[in-house]
Every structure is written in C-alpha cells, then in structure tokens.
Amino acid sequence: MKGESSTTDAWPKRMIRFLSSRRYFIHSIVALSILLLAVILQFIPAVQHSIQPLLRGCQNPHYTIRTLSYDPLILHIENFITLQESKRLREIVPFYELSKVALPNGTVLFSDRRTSSTAYLPGDDLLVQCLKKRAAEFQGYVGVENIESLQVTRYLEGQHFKHHYDWTPDPRQVNETTNRETTIFAILEADCSMCGTEFPALAINWTLEDNKWCRFVDCNSTEALTIKPIPGSAIFWRNLHSDGSGDARTMHAGQKVERGVKVGLNIWTRREITWGLH
C-alpha cells in the first residue's frame, strides 16, 4: 500500500514538472523570436525601413504647400518625403543607366541634352507603394494605377537636363491614349550648388515678394523661376491645359551641377486624352 501511495503522489509532481518545462520552452521560443526581430531591425536597416510604412499605416508626413504659380499651377511642397524615406529610396535603387530622351515620334535615344543617370524603383516595395498612394491622395485621390513607375534621376558634377517638356505633343504618334498630366519632382539628396529646377517662361520679380521665398527659390534669378533643390521637398506642376493639350509654359530644365550631386524622384501621373490634341 505504501508503494501505491508513493506512485500516486509522484504522478502530479511529474505532470507539474512536465507542464513547467513545456511553459518554459514556449516562453523561451517567444523570447528568442522577439530578440531575433530586434536584432534584424537593429542591424538590417533595409528591412526596418521596408516595414515602417506598413507598421505606421503609410502615414503622410506633415508637409507644407506654397503656391509658386497659379497659372500654370506650380506648387512647392516642403517635407513631402522624410529624410528616412529618402535614404531608403536611394538604398533600393537597382542600378543607374545613362538617361535617354524621347522624341515626339516616340524614338528614344541618348542625347547630350540629358547627361544624368536614371533608375526605376521596384513597384512591389512597400515604401514605393506608399509614395504612390501619397501622390495620388495629394492630387485628390486620383487612381494609383494612373501613376507611372517611380523614376530616380541622379546628377553628378557637370551633368544636366536641358529645357524640355514632360508631356508628349501628340500621344497618338506613339500609340498612346494618355499623357502626363502632372509631375511631382522630389529631392532625395542635394549637396550641390547652382543645380536647381528652372522654368524659363515664368520669370518672377522676387524683390516684390516676401524674402522668405529665398529659402526655396533663387531670388537672384530674374529671367526664370528657379527652385532650389532641398532634400525632402518637392515641386508639383500641371503639364496639360484643361482641354488636354500641353502647356508650353511648363518647359523646364535641370541645371548643370557645378559641384556635388543631386538625386531626384520623378512621379508622373497620366490622364486619358480624347480631345485637344495638336
């Protein structure tokens, strides 16, 4: 009887030890998983920045909009892209290629008119998707599907993009039914001098304006509207008239980089064109 009692008493103790060891095992796995995630986020910035838009619900930064021109519509957007986002976008650039220009007939070729380099960002990246959504919302919730693949453009010392349009004179010549209605050009990096974005048809007498504008534009430029490249800021402009034809006043240029580097992001939104073609 004494032996039976001993066996009966030992069973609960063994069960308690088993459950305790199982609980300890589960807690250990959870702790190790949390530790592993912390290590990944700490030492692999690419992973950290990739999941940030998802974790924060793709929230927009607190940007400030200033009107440079009502007609044509040109806006300056301060802090459109955060510095962390800019860094992440530069990290995911696959590779740069020498930029090309497109002729009205659709021919694409190299030209000394454009000596910068360009790259297209991966469309499946969470941050890229977040920025396309931000650009769509900024324009009144246009369809994200109307936004082209995001293009990064890099200017090194001595490089430029001479005066050009972002719109096509007649999309039908290249078998297109859409045209670039708007452009958002954001600055990801800039440590250059005399390397702004110039609109030669829109000269403004800045002596008649508030001198606070001189933070964002070249107030010494009297023959063209020249916007300074400020990291995180962007320029928005409308390329087309309401009838779908191109607005010649939106001709612009990427000034020659005298020293340093400039990296920008092109966000183009297209619109279906059924009239007003020239």
Protein backbone atom coordinates (compact mmCIF):
# COMPACT_ATOMS: atom_id res chain seq x y z
CA MET A 1 0.00 0.00 0.00
CA LYS A 2 2.89 2.25 0.80
CA GLY A 3 4.29 1.71 -2.71
CA GLU A 4 0.92 2.54 -4.30
CA SER A 5 0.66 5.77 -2.34
CA SER A 6 4.15 6.77 -3.43
CA THR A 7 3.33 6.19 -7.13
CA THR A 8 0.07 8.11 -6.86
CA ASP A 9 1.80 11.06 -5.20
CA ALA A 10 4.57 11.13 -7.81
CA TRP A 11 2.24 11.45 -10.84
CA PRO A 12 1.06 15.01 -10.11
CA LYS A 13 4.64 16.05 -9.45
CA ARG A 14 5.77 14.64 -12.78
CA MET A 15 2.86 16.38 -14.55
CA ILE A 16 3.73 19.70 -12.88
CA ARG A 17 7.35 19.32 -13.94
CA PHE A 18 6.25 18.47 -17.49
CA LEU A 19 3.93 21.44 -17.76
CA SER A 20 6.53 23.72 -16.24
CA SER A 21 9.16 22.59 -18.72
CA ARG A 22 6.68 23.00 -21.61
CA ARG A 23 5.78 26.50 -20.44
CA TYR A 24 9.46 27.34 -20.11
CA PHE A 25 10.07 26.05 -23.65
CA ILE A 26 7.25 28.19 -25.10
CA HIS A 27 8.43 31.28 -23.23
CA SER A 28 11.95 30.68 -24.46
CA ILE A 29 10.81 30.44 -28.07
CA VAL A 30 8.81 33.68 -27.76
CA ALA A 31 11.72 35.47 -26.11
CA LEU A 32 14.16 34.29 -28.74
CA SER A 33 11.78 35.36 -31.52
CA ILE A 34 11.47 38.85 -30.06
CA LEU A 35 15.24 39.05 -29.64
CA LEU A 36 15.80 37.91 -33.23
CA LEU A 37 13.35 40.51 -34.56
CA ALA A 38 15.08 43.22 -32.54
CA VAL A 39 18.45 42.18 -33.96
CA ILE A 40 17.11 42.24 -37.52
CA LEU A 41 15.60 45.70 -37.09
CA GLN A 42 18.76 46.99 -35.44
CA PHE A 43 21.35 45.72 -37.89
CA ILE A 44 19.48 45.48 -41.19
CA PRO A 45 18.17 48.99 -41.99
CA ALA A 46 16.70 47.85 -45.30
CA VAL A 47 14.29 45.53 -43.50
CA GLN A 48 13.49 48.16 -40.89
CA HIS A 49 12.64 50.82 -43.46
CA SER A 50 10.68 48.36 -45.62
CA ILE A 51 8.17 47.52 -42.89
CA GLN A 52 7.87 51.02 -41.46
CA PRO A 53 5.17 52.14 -43.94
CA LEU A 54 3.19 49.01 -43.11
CA LEU A 55 3.60 49.43 -39.35
CA ARG A 56 2.54 53.06 -39.40
CA GLY A 57 -0.26 52.58 -41.93
CA CYS A 58 1.56 54.54 -44.65
CA GLN A 59 1.01 57.85 -42.89
CA ASN A 60 1.85 61.08 -44.65
CA PRO A 61 4.45 63.44 -43.19
CA HIS A 62 3.34 66.92 -42.13
CA TYR A 63 4.20 68.80 -45.31
CA THR A 64 3.65 72.46 -46.15
CA ILE A 65 2.35 73.63 -49.53
CA ARG A 66 3.21 77.00 -51.03
CA THR A 67 1.90 78.31 -54.36
CA LEU A 68 4.63 79.40 -56.74
CA SER A 69 2.30 80.00 -59.68
CA TYR A 70 -1.46 79.83 -60.14
CA ASP A 71 -1.34 79.66 -63.93
CA PRO A 72 0.23 77.32 -64.76
CA LEU A 73 -0.27 75.66 -61.41
CA ILE A 74 3.11 75.11 -59.70
CA LEU A 75 3.37 74.25 -56.01
CA HIS A 76 6.28 73.85 -53.63
CA ILE A 77 5.81 71.03 -51.09
CA GLU A 78 8.13 71.23 -48.11
CA ASN A 79 8.81 67.88 -46.37
CA PHE A 80 6.87 65.80 -48.93
CA ILE A 81 9.32 62.95 -48.30
CA THR A 82 11.05 62.36 -44.98
CA LEU A 83 14.82 62.08 -44.77
CA GLN A 84 14.47 58.44 -43.67
CA GLU A 85 12.33 57.71 -46.73
CA SER A 86 14.85 59.46 -48.97
CA LYS A 87 17.66 57.34 -47.58
CA ARG A 88 15.65 54.15 -48.05
CA LEU A 89 14.75 55.01 -51.66
CA ARG A 90 18.40 55.56 -52.53
CA GLU A 91 19.24 52.20 -50.98
CA ILE A 92 16.78 50.25 -53.14
CA VAL A 93 17.85 51.73 -56.48
CA PRO A 94 18.72 48.61 -58.53
CA PHE A 95 21.25 50.32 -60.82
CA TYR A 96 21.63 53.57 -62.74
CA GLU A 97 21.71 53.84 -66.50
CA LEU A 98 22.61 56.79 -68.70
CA SER A 99 19.44 58.80 -69.23
CA LYS A 100 17.69 58.99 -72.60
CA VAL A 101 15.35 61.48 -74.23
CA ALA A 102 12.12 60.75 -76.11
CA LEU A 103 11.41 62.44 -79.44
CA PRO A 104 7.84 63.43 -80.44
CA ASN A 105 7.66 60.40 -82.76
CA GLY A 106 8.45 58.05 -79.89
CA THR A 107 12.11 57.45 -80.70
CA VAL A 108 14.17 57.10 -77.52
CA LEU A 109 17.87 57.88 -77.73
CA PHE A 110 20.91 59.17 -75.87
CA SER A 111 21.50 62.89 -76.14
CA ASP A 112 23.93 65.48 -74.82
CA ARG A 113 20.84 67.43 -73.83
CA ARG A 114 20.41 64.99 -70.94
CA THR A 115 23.56 63.67 -69.29
CA SER A 116 22.16 62.45 -65.97
CA SER A 117 21.52 58.83 -64.97
CA THR A 118 18.16 57.23 -64.14
CA ALA A 119 16.73 54.14 -62.47
CA TYR A 120 13.24 52.78 -61.84
CA LEU A 121 12.24 51.71 -58.35
CA PRO A 122 10.72 48.26 -57.72
CA GLY A 123 6.94 48.53 -57.74
CA ASP A 124 6.46 45.83 -55.11
CA ASP A 125 8.40 47.74 -52.44
CA LEU A 126 6.16 48.91 -49.58
CA LEU A 127 7.65 52.39 -49.44
CA VAL A 128 7.30 52.84 -53.19
CA GLN A 129 3.64 51.85 -52.95
CA CYS A 130 3.23 54.24 -50.02
CA LEU A 131 4.64 57.16 -52.02
CA LYS A 132 2.40 56.43 -55.00
CA LYS A 133 -0.58 56.43 -52.66
CA ARG A 134 0.61 59.73 -51.15
CA ALA A 135 0.97 61.31 -54.58
CA ALA A 136 -2.48 60.06 -55.60
CA GLU A 137 -4.08 61.46 -52.44
CA PHE A 138 -2.29 64.80 -52.88
CA GLN A 139 -3.95 65.15 -56.29
CA GLY A 140 -7.44 64.47 -54.98
CA TYR A 141 -7.37 60.67 -54.78
CA VAL A 142 -6.60 60.02 -58.44
CA GLY A 143 -6.24 56.37 -59.34
CA VAL A 144 -2.87 54.95 -58.26
CA GLU A 145 -2.91 52.95 -61.48
CA ASN A 146 -2.55 56.27 -63.37
CA ILE A 147 0.87 56.88 -61.78
CA GLU A 148 3.90 55.67 -63.72
CA SER A 149 6.70 53.64 -62.22
CA LEU A 150 8.72 55.92 -59.96
CA GLN A 151 11.95 57.11 -61.55
CA VAL A 152 15.06 58.21 -59.68
CA THR A 153 17.37 60.58 -61.53
CA ARG A 154 20.93 61.38 -60.47
CA TYR A 155 23.05 64.36 -61.47
CA LEU A 156 26.78 64.22 -60.84
CA GLU A 157 29.21 67.10 -61.30
CA GLY A 158 28.88 68.60 -64.77
CA GLN A 159 25.60 66.82 -65.61
CA HIS A 160 22.33 68.47 -66.63
CA PHE A 161 19.00 68.09 -68.43
CA LYS A 162 18.39 70.99 -70.79
CA HIS A 163 14.98 72.58 -71.39
CA HIS A 164 12.28 70.03 -72.10
CA TYR A 165 8.63 69.11 -71.53
CA ASP A 166 7.29 66.16 -69.57
CA TRP A 167 4.26 65.89 -71.86
CA THR A 168 4.10 64.45 -75.38
CA PRO A 169 2.90 66.81 -78.18
CA ASP A 170 0.61 64.16 -79.66
CA PRO A 171 0.34 60.81 -77.84
CA ARG A 172 -1.28 59.26 -80.93
CA GLN A 173 2.09 59.35 -82.71
CA VAL A 174 3.42 56.86 -80.14
CA ASN A 175 0.20 54.79 -79.99
CA GLU A 176 -0.76 56.27 -76.63
CA THR A 177 -4.15 57.45 -75.42
CA THR A 178 -2.75 59.07 -72.27
CA ASN A 179 -0.38 61.91 -71.49
CA ARG A 180 1.45 63.13 -68.40
CA GLU A 181 -1.00 65.49 -66.74
CA THR A 182 1.12 66.26 -63.68
CA THR A 183 4.67 66.00 -62.40
CA ILE A 184 5.96 65.73 -58.87
CA PHE A 185 9.73 66.14 -58.68
CA ALA A 186 11.06 65.43 -55.19
CA ILE A 187 14.63 65.88 -53.97
CA LEU A 188 16.19 62.84 -52.27
CA GLU A 189 19.72 64.22 -51.94
CA ALA A 190 21.43 67.50 -52.80
CA ASP A 191 24.80 68.86 -51.77
CA CYS A 192 25.35 70.78 -54.99
CA SER A 193 25.46 74.44 -55.97
CA MET A 194 23.57 76.17 -58.80
CA CYS A 195 21.66 72.96 -59.50
CA GLY A 196 18.00 73.89 -59.25
CA THR A 197 14.98 73.25 -61.47
CA GLU A 198 14.46 76.12 -63.90
CA PHE A 199 11.25 77.28 -65.64
CA PRO A 200 12.41 79.85 -68.25
CA ALA A 201 8.90 81.00 -69.21
CA LEU A 202 7.98 82.02 -65.67
CA ALA A 203 10.27 84.83 -64.58
CA ILE A 204 9.26 86.40 -61.24
CA ASN A 205 10.47 89.65 -59.73
CA TRP A 206 11.31 88.39 -56.26
CA THR A 207 12.11 91.87 -54.98
CA LEU A 208 8.35 92.41 -54.90
CA GLU A 209 7.73 89.25 -52.87
CA ASP A 210 8.35 88.26 -49.27
CA ASN A 211 12.04 87.47 -48.77
CA LYS A 212 11.06 84.20 -47.06
CA TRP A 213 10.73 82.82 -50.58
CA CYS A 214 14.50 82.98 -50.91
CA ARG A 215 14.72 79.82 -48.79
CA PHE A 216 13.09 77.89 -51.61
CA VAL A 217 13.86 79.76 -54.83
CA ASP A 218 16.81 81.57 -56.36
CA CYS A 219 15.81 85.17 -55.72
CA ASN A 220 18.72 86.38 -57.85
CA SER A 221 17.29 84.69 -60.94
CA THR A 222 15.45 87.38 -62.88
CA GLU A 223 14.98 85.57 -66.19
CA ALA A 224 13.47 82.30 -64.96
CA LEU A 225 11.71 80.73 -62.00
CA THR A 226 14.40 78.59 -60.38
CA ILE A 227 13.54 76.32 -57.45
CA LYS A 228 16.32 75.26 -55.11
CA PRO A 229 16.92 71.52 -54.53
CA ILE A 230 16.06 70.98 -50.86
CA PRO A 231 16.17 67.36 -49.64
CA GLY A 232 12.68 66.15 -48.75
CA SER A 233 10.91 68.93 -50.64
CA ALA A 234 9.12 68.56 -53.97
CA ILE A 235 7.70 70.61 -56.82
CA PHE A 236 4.27 69.83 -58.23
CA TRP A 237 3.07 71.20 -61.54
CA ARG A 238 0.34 70.60 -64.06
CA ASN A 239 1.58 69.85 -67.57
CA LEU A 240 -1.69 69.98 -69.50
CA HIS A 241 -4.41 72.50 -70.17
CA SER A 242 -7.99 71.55 -69.32
CA ASP A 243 -8.57 70.54 -72.96
CA GLY A 244 -5.73 68.02 -72.78
CA SER A 245 -3.17 69.98 -74.79
CA GLY A 246 0.32 70.56 -73.45
CA ASP A 247 1.16 73.77 -71.60
CA ALA A 248 4.32 75.21 -73.17
CA ARG A 249 4.94 77.32 -70.07
CA THR A 250 5.91 74.16 -68.18
CA MET A 251 9.15 73.85 -70.11
CA HIS A 252 11.85 73.27 -67.51
CA ALA A 253 15.46 72.22 -67.07
CA GLY A 254 17.68 70.51 -64.53
CA GLN A 255 20.51 72.98 -64.17
CA LYS A 256 24.09 71.85 -64.61
CA VAL A 257 25.60 70.65 -61.34
CA GLU A 258 28.70 72.76 -60.74
CA ARG A 259 29.89 70.54 -57.88
CA GLY A 260 28.44 67.83 -55.67
CA VAL A 261 25.46 65.62 -56.52
CA LYS A 262 21.70 65.88 -56.85
CA VAL A 263 19.28 62.93 -56.71
CA GLY A 264 15.62 63.47 -57.52
CA LEU A 265 12.45 61.40 -57.79
CA ASN A 266 10.00 61.75 -60.70
CA ILE A 267 6.35 60.92 -60.03
CA TRP A 268 4.30 61.26 -63.21
CA THR A 269 0.52 60.93 -63.30
CA ARG A 270 -1.13 60.18 -66.63
CA ARG A 271 -4.53 61.19 -67.96
CA GLU A 272 -6.69 59.78 -70.74
CA ILE A 273 -6.70 62.15 -73.71
CA THR A 274 -9.59 62.15 -76.17
CA TRP A 275 -9.57 65.76 -77.38
CA GLY A 276 -7.46 68.89 -77.69
CA LEU A 277 -4.51 67.21 -79.42
CA HIS A 278 -2.30 69.38 -81.64
